[in-house]
Amino acid sequence: QVQLVESGGGSVQAGGSLRLSCAASGYRYSRYCMGWFRQAPGKEREEVAAIYTGGGSTYYADSVKGRFTISQDNAKNTLYLQMNSLKPEDTAMYYCAADCPPWVDPSQVLRVADFGYWGQGTQVTVSS
């Protein structure tokens, strides 16, 4: 059974930084891509960043480009999201997602339905 466990969320002031981690277990096959989504109260879940697990391709939402960095440590089966220069509008529950099909392009925006596995989420709150 695949499990994704996020950690690293918290409360910070605007301009601060956080690093989210997503520990993955239970994988038998290539994950192909993994990503981070976020959902603020009353809003739809949106993709923040994604990475092709074979190396190279990444995607960032326009709202986080230049501030967030997605990375992975395949040896540890862990996905990261370094978030710098945080803004109040980054406040949301952040979710790790994994296992998108090989015909999607992880360098382009992906949908919630493109991912097969999800973590439970970690809350990020940014105060002004």
Protein backbone atom coordinates (compact mmCIF):
# COMPACT_ATOMS: atom_id res chain seq x y z
CA GLN A 1 0.00 0.00 0.00
CA VAL A 2 1.41 3.36 -1.04
CA GLN A 3 1.72 5.94 1.70
CA LEU A 4 2.69 9.57 1.39
CA VAL A 5 3.41 11.44 4.60
CA GLU A 6 3.94 15.19 4.52
CA SER A 7 5.72 17.21 7.15
CA GLY A 8 7.29 20.63 7.58
CA GLY A 9 4.25 22.85 7.57
CA GLY A 10 3.75 25.55 10.15
CA SER A 11 3.13 29.22 10.77
CA VAL A 12 5.54 31.86 9.54
CA GLN A 13 5.53 35.57 8.89
CA ALA A 14 5.52 36.95 5.39
CA GLY A 15 8.96 36.76 3.86
CA GLY A 16 9.84 33.64 5.80
CA SER A 17 10.69 30.16 4.58
CA LEU A 18 9.53 26.61 5.10
CA ARG A 19 10.58 23.30 3.65
CA LEU A 20 7.96 20.65 3.16
CA SER A 21 8.86 16.98 2.96
CA CYS A 22 6.90 14.05 1.61
CA ALA A 23 8.10 10.58 2.56
CA ALA A 24 6.85 7.92 0.17
CA SER A 25 6.61 4.22 0.91
CA GLY A 26 5.06 1.17 -0.65
CA TYR A 27 6.08 1.89 -4.24
CA ARG A 28 6.70 -1.03 -6.53
CA TYR A 29 6.80 0.73 -9.85
CA SER A 30 8.15 3.90 -11.31
CA ARG A 31 6.37 6.90 -9.88
CA TYR A 32 7.05 8.85 -13.08
CA CYS A 33 6.16 12.14 -11.46
CA MET A 34 5.34 13.62 -8.09
CA GLY A 35 3.92 16.95 -7.20
CA TRP A 36 2.70 19.40 -4.61
CA PHE A 37 -0.78 20.83 -4.58
CA ARG A 38 -2.41 23.27 -2.21
CA GLN A 39 -5.94 24.09 -1.22
CA ALA A 40 -7.08 27.20 0.58
CA PRO A 41 -10.48 27.35 2.31
CA GLY A 42 -13.26 27.78 -0.23
CA LYS A 43 -10.94 27.26 -3.18
CA GLU A 44 -10.15 24.38 -5.48
CA ARG A 45 -7.02 22.32 -5.05
CA GLU A 46 -4.34 23.70 -7.34
CA GLU A 47 -1.02 22.39 -8.52
CA VAL A 48 1.98 24.22 -7.10
CA ALA A 49 4.88 22.24 -8.50
CA ALA A 50 5.72 18.89 -10.03
CA ILE A 51 8.80 16.95 -10.98
CA TYR A 52 9.58 14.08 -13.31
CA THR A 53 11.12 11.49 -11.03
CA GLY A 54 13.49 10.35 -13.76
CA GLY A 55 15.14 13.74 -13.51
CA GLY A 56 14.90 17.02 -15.38
CA SER A 57 11.38 18.24 -15.99
CA THR A 58 9.71 20.43 -13.44
CA TYR A 59 6.59 22.57 -13.33
CA TYR A 60 5.83 25.59 -11.20
CA ALA A 61 2.65 27.58 -10.97
CA ASP A 62 3.19 31.19 -12.00
CA SER A 63 2.32 32.31 -8.50
CA VAL A 64 5.31 30.50 -6.97
CA LYS A 65 7.95 30.71 -9.70
CA GLY A 66 11.21 32.05 -8.36
CA ARG A 67 10.15 31.45 -4.75
CA PHE A 68 9.48 27.70 -4.48
CA THR A 69 11.76 24.85 -5.47
CA ILE A 70 10.72 21.22 -5.84
CA SER A 71 13.35 18.53 -5.41
CA GLN A 72 13.64 14.86 -4.63
CA ASP A 73 15.95 12.40 -2.94
CA ASN A 74 15.29 9.09 -4.64
CA ALA A 75 17.55 7.25 -2.20
CA LYS A 76 15.27 8.37 0.62
CA ASN A 77 12.03 8.20 -1.40
CA THR A 78 11.38 11.76 -0.32
CA LEU A 79 10.01 14.76 -2.15
CA TYR A 80 10.68 18.30 -0.97
CA LEU A 81 9.25 21.74 -1.52
CA GLN A 82 11.45 24.63 -0.44
CA MET A 83 9.29 27.70 -0.02
CA ASN A 84 10.97 31.08 0.28
CA SER A 85 9.63 34.63 0.40
CA LEU A 86 6.31 33.33 1.62
CA LYS A 87 3.24 35.49 1.21
CA PRO A 88 -0.09 35.46 3.04
CA GLU A 89 -1.72 34.17 -0.15
CA ASP A 90 0.42 31.03 0.13
CA THR A 91 -1.62 30.05 3.18
CA ALA A 92 -3.24 26.68 2.44
CA MET A 93 -3.16 22.99 3.14
CA TYR A 94 -0.34 21.53 1.08
CA TYR A 95 -0.65 18.01 -0.33
CA CYS A 96 1.92 15.67 -1.78
CA ALA A 97 0.79 13.71 -4.83
CA ALA A 98 2.35 10.80 -6.68
CA ASP A 99 1.96 8.33 -9.49
CA CYS A 100 0.86 10.19 -12.57
CA PRO A 101 0.60 8.17 -15.81
CA PRO A 102 3.52 8.17 -18.24
CA TRP A 103 1.58 9.92 -21.01
CA VAL A 104 1.28 13.20 -19.10
CA ASP A 105 3.94 15.87 -19.27
CA PRO A 106 5.07 16.84 -15.73
CA SER A 107 6.52 20.09 -17.07
CA GLN A 108 2.95 21.25 -17.84
CA VAL A 109 0.14 21.89 -15.41
CA LEU A 110 -1.47 18.68 -14.20
CA ARG A 111 -4.85 17.99 -12.68
CA VAL A 112 -5.80 16.42 -9.40
CA ALA A 113 -7.13 13.48 -11.39
CA ASP A 114 -3.72 12.89 -12.95
CA PHE A 115 -2.30 11.64 -9.64
CA GLY A 116 -3.11 8.32 -8.08
CA TYR A 117 -1.90 8.79 -4.53
CA TRP A 118 -2.19 11.61 -2.03
CA GLY A 119 -0.86 12.47 1.37
CA GLN A 120 -2.95 13.75 4.23
CA GLY A 121 -1.71 17.32 3.90
CA THR A 122 0.30 19.74 5.98
CA GLN A 123 -0.91 23.21 6.88
CA VAL A 124 1.06 26.30 5.92
CA THR A 125 -0.03 29.61 7.41
CA VAL A 126 1.65 32.86 6.47
CA SER A 127 0.83 35.98 8.45
CA SER A 128 1.36 39.52 7.26
